[in-house]
Protein backbone atom coordinates (compact mmCIF):
# COMPACT_ATOMS: atom_id res chain seq x y z
CA UNK A 1 20.40 6.61 -11.86
CA UNK A 2 20.03 9.36 -9.63
CA UNK A 3 23.48 10.57 -9.83
CA UNK A 4 22.90 14.00 -11.42
CA UNK A 5 23.70 17.28 -9.72
CA UNK A 6 20.34 18.18 -9.92
CA UNK A 7 19.05 14.96 -8.10
CA UNK A 8 21.84 15.22 -5.47
CA UNK A 9 20.56 18.78 -4.71
CA UNK A 10 16.89 17.88 -4.31
CA UNK A 11 17.79 15.02 -2.01
CA UNK A 12 19.75 17.43 0.26
CA UNK A 13 17.11 19.98 0.30
CA UNK A 14 14.43 17.23 1.25
CA UNK A 15 16.94 16.26 4.00
CA UNK A 16 16.94 19.84 5.16
CA UNK A 17 13.44 20.10 5.06
CA UNK A 18 12.76 16.90 7.20
CA UNK A 19 15.09 18.29 9.61
CA UNK A 20 13.45 21.60 9.90
CA UNK A 21 9.82 19.95 10.03
CA UNK A 22 10.56 16.96 12.35
CA UNK A 23 9.82 19.03 15.46
CA UNK A 24 6.60 20.19 14.57
CA UNK A 25 5.61 16.91 13.23
CA UNK A 26 6.73 15.03 16.75
CA UNK A 27 4.69 17.56 18.61
CA UNK A 28 1.77 17.18 16.74
CA UNK A 29 2.27 13.34 16.89
CA UNK A 30 2.46 13.27 20.48
CA UNK A 31 -0.55 15.34 20.94
CA UNK A 32 -2.47 13.42 18.68
CA UNK A 33 -1.61 10.20 20.68
CA UNK A 34 -2.45 12.17 23.79
CA UNK A 35 1.13 11.56 25.24
CA UNK A 36 1.11 15.37 26.07
CA UNK A 37 -0.61 16.83 28.87
CA UNK A 38 -3.31 18.54 26.88
CA UNK A 39 -4.29 15.31 24.94
CA UNK A 40 -8.31 15.94 25.25
CA UNK A 41 -8.04 19.02 23.21
CA UNK A 42 -6.27 17.14 20.43
CA UNK A 43 -8.95 14.29 20.44
CA UNK A 44 -11.59 16.83 19.60
CA UNK A 45 -9.43 18.19 16.77
CA UNK A 46 -8.89 14.67 15.43
CA UNK A 47 -12.50 13.68 15.91
CA UNK A 48 -13.15 16.49 13.30
CA UNK A 49 -10.72 14.74 10.70
CA UNK A 50 -11.18 11.03 11.71
CA UNK A 51 -13.17 8.57 13.58
CA UNK A 52 -11.74 7.93 17.19
CA UNK A 53 -12.41 4.40 18.28
CA UNK A 54 -11.15 3.03 21.71
CA UNK A 55 -8.53 0.16 21.62
CA UNK A 56 -10.82 -2.34 23.62
CA UNK A 57 -13.50 -1.95 21.10
CA UNK A 58 -11.17 -2.86 18.15
CA UNK A 59 -9.80 -5.65 20.14
CA UNK A 60 -13.59 -7.01 20.89
CA UNK A 61 -14.46 -6.68 16.91
CA UNK A 62 -11.19 -8.35 16.01
CA UNK A 63 -12.11 -11.53 18.25
CA UNK A 64 -15.51 -11.78 16.73
CA UNK A 65 -14.24 -11.60 13.33
CA UNK A 66 -11.68 -14.25 13.93
CA UNK A 67 -14.54 -16.37 15.23
CA UNK A 68 -16.30 -15.98 11.68
CA UNK A 69 -13.34 -16.79 10.06
CA UNK A 70 -12.93 -20.20 11.35
CA UNK A 71 -16.11 -21.60 9.67
CA UNK A 72 -14.92 -20.18 6.44
CA UNK A 73 -12.96 -22.76 4.00
CA UNK A 74 -10.29 -19.84 3.17
CA UNK A 75 -11.30 -19.52 -0.36
CA UNK A 76 -11.30 -16.04 -2.12
CA UNK A 77 -14.72 -14.81 -3.51
CA UNK A 78 -13.79 -15.02 -7.29
CA UNK A 79 -15.81 -14.28 -10.30
CA UNK A 80 -17.69 -17.47 -10.69
CA UNK A 81 -18.49 -16.95 -14.41
CA UNK A 82 -14.82 -16.87 -15.60
CA UNK A 83 -13.51 -19.75 -17.19
CA UNK A 84 -10.14 -21.11 -15.16
CA UNK A 85 -8.40 -22.35 -18.20
CA UNK A 86 -8.79 -19.53 -20.93
CA UNK A 87 -9.51 -16.84 -17.99
CA UNK A 88 -12.22 -15.33 -20.25
CA UNK A 89 -15.52 -14.18 -18.64
CA UNK A 90 -18.94 -14.80 -20.11
CA UNK A 91 -18.50 -11.74 -22.45
CA UNK A 92 -15.26 -13.05 -23.80
CA UNK A 93 -13.04 -10.39 -21.82
CA UNK A 94 -9.93 -11.01 -19.99
CA UNK A 95 -9.36 -9.87 -16.31
CA UNK A 96 -8.37 -6.23 -15.97
CA UNK A 97 -5.23 -7.30 -14.31
CA UNK A 98 -3.91 -9.00 -17.09
CA UNK A 99 -1.74 -7.10 -19.73
CA UNK A 100 -2.00 -7.25 -23.51
CA UNK A 101 0.83 -9.65 -24.38
CA UNK A 102 -0.60 -12.41 -21.86
CA UNK A 103 -3.99 -11.91 -23.49
CA UNK A 104 -2.38 -12.41 -26.87
CA UNK A 105 -0.27 -15.23 -25.99
CA UNK A 106 -3.57 -17.02 -24.45
CA UNK A 107 -5.52 -16.40 -27.69
CA UNK A 108 -2.88 -17.94 -29.75
CA UNK A 109 -3.05 -21.10 -27.74
CA UNK A 110 -6.88 -21.10 -28.06
CA UNK A 111 -6.93 -20.66 -31.81
CA UNK A 112 -4.27 -23.12 -32.38
CA UNK A 113 -6.05 -25.65 -30.57
CA UNK A 114 -9.02 -24.98 -32.48
CA UNK A 115 -7.16 -25.41 -35.72
CA UNK A 116 -5.56 -28.37 -34.85
CA UNK A 117 -8.99 -30.24 -34.00
CA UNK A 118 -10.45 -28.91 -37.55
CA UNK A 119 -8.20 -31.84 -39.38
CA UNK A 120 -6.31 -29.17 -41.58
CA UNK A 121 -2.48 -29.95 -42.08
CA UNK A 122 0.21 -27.36 -41.84
CA UNK A 123 1.87 -26.38 -44.73
CA UNK A 124 5.59 -27.22 -44.84
CA UNK A 125 8.33 -28.81 -46.78
CA UNK A 126 7.10 -31.67 -48.93
CA UNK A 127 9.76 -34.12 -48.29
């Protein structure tokens, strides 16, 4: 799609704006990463917005986390009260990620299995 004159114009103007804003953004990024000479002043500004953690602390924490994962068997923490076959929970609800079409399909399968166990024959052509 996106071939109309309006979308072409919008794309062109966004590109122009990117060119215009790029130098300011680059300067701000350098200042934030303290590549600039006045990096210390930038860090105080950044600390008001976000928490600044030194890299060595992150590396140490990462090593500790990896040690904890080695003992784990790698399974996800799922809701244990959900039936794996029908995907229904204890209240008869399907998961939030499932769309209505999938739920209807599973419900149809469940009901058809119940009906076939009842011993009722399906109506059809007699011969």
